[in-house]
Each structure stands twice: as C-alpha cells, then as structure tokens.
Protein backbone atom coordinates (compact mmCIF):
# COMPACT_ATOMS: atom_id res chain seq x y z
CA MET A 1 28.47 0.67 5.92
CA LEU A 2 26.96 -0.39 2.59
CA PHE A 3 24.93 -3.08 4.35
CA THR A 4 23.45 -0.46 6.70
CA ILE A 5 22.43 1.79 3.81
CA VAL A 6 20.79 -1.06 1.90
CA TYR A 7 19.03 -2.25 5.04
CA GLY A 8 17.77 1.30 5.71
CA ILE A 9 16.39 1.58 2.18
CA LEU A 10 14.61 -1.77 2.51
CA ILE A 11 13.07 -0.76 5.84
CA PHE A 12 11.97 2.58 4.39
CA ASN A 13 10.30 0.91 1.39
CA ALA A 14 8.54 -1.64 3.58
CA CYS A 15 7.15 1.10 5.82
CA LYS A 16 6.02 3.11 2.81
CA GLN A 17 4.15 0.11 1.37
CA ARG A 18 2.45 -0.52 4.72
CA GLU A 19 1.42 3.11 4.91
CA GLN A 20 -0.10 2.94 1.42
CA ALA A 21 -1.96 -0.26 2.32
CA TRP A 22 -3.31 1.30 5.51
CA SER A 23 -4.38 4.38 3.56
CA ARG A 24 -6.29 2.26 1.02
CA GLN A 25 -7.92 0.27 3.79
CA ALA A 26 -8.89 3.40 5.73
CA LYS A 27 -10.41 4.92 2.59
CA ALA A 28 -12.45 1.77 1.91
CA VAL A 29 -13.73 1.61 5.49
CA PHE A 30 -14.61 5.31 5.46
CA LEU A 31 -16.53 5.04 2.19
CA GLU A 32 -18.40 1.99 3.49
CA ALA A 33 -19.34 3.86 6.69
CA VAL A 34 -20.54 6.89 4.72
CA GLY A 35 -22.58 4.62 2.44
CA ASN A 36 -24.19 2.93 5.45
CA GLU A 37 -25.08 6.28 6.98
CA LEU A 38 -26.63 7.45 3.72
CA LYS A 39 -28.72 4.27 3.56
CA LYS A 40 -29.93 4.93 7.12
CA LEU A 41 -30.90 8.48 6.16
CA ASP A 42 -32.78 7.22 3.12
CA LYS A 43 -34.75 4.81 5.29
CA MET A 44 -35.51 7.57 7.78
CA GLU A 45 -36.74 9.90 5.04
CA ILE A 46 -38.95 7.20 3.53
CA TYR A 47 -40.37 6.35 6.95
CA GLY A 48 -40.89 10.03 7.74
CA PHE A 49 -42.62 10.60 4.39
CA HIS A 50 -45.04 7.72 4.95
CA THR A 51 -45.79 9.00 8.44
CA ILE A 52 -46.59 12.48 7.13
CA THR A 53 -48.77 11.23 4.28
CA SER A 54 -50.70 8.92 6.61
CA LEU A 55 -51.59 11.95 8.77
CA PHE A 56 -53.22 13.67 5.80
CA GLN A 57 -55.40 10.68 4.85
C-alpha cells in the first residue's frame, strides 16, 4: 500500500513537471510567432508608406 502511494506521488510530480515544461515551451513559441507577425506588419507598413509617397512625387 505504501509503495502504491509513493509511486502515485512520483507519477503526479513527473506529470506536473512535464506540464510546466510544455507551458513554458508553448509560451516561447507563441511569443516568437507574435514577434514574427509584428515584423511582417512593420515591413508591410514601410512598403505601403514608400508606395504612397512615390505616388505623390
């Protein structure tokens, strides 16, 4: 009985650590994706601005 309880606690802790690692990884990937999208938008705005100014010249 004691062995089962200890084993259950170990399994629970291992799963909790995996969940925390997955959460950190998901957060990092999400922030990287958002950063990439913002860079794309910056490039689009710069390109759009140059296109508009070239029309006025």
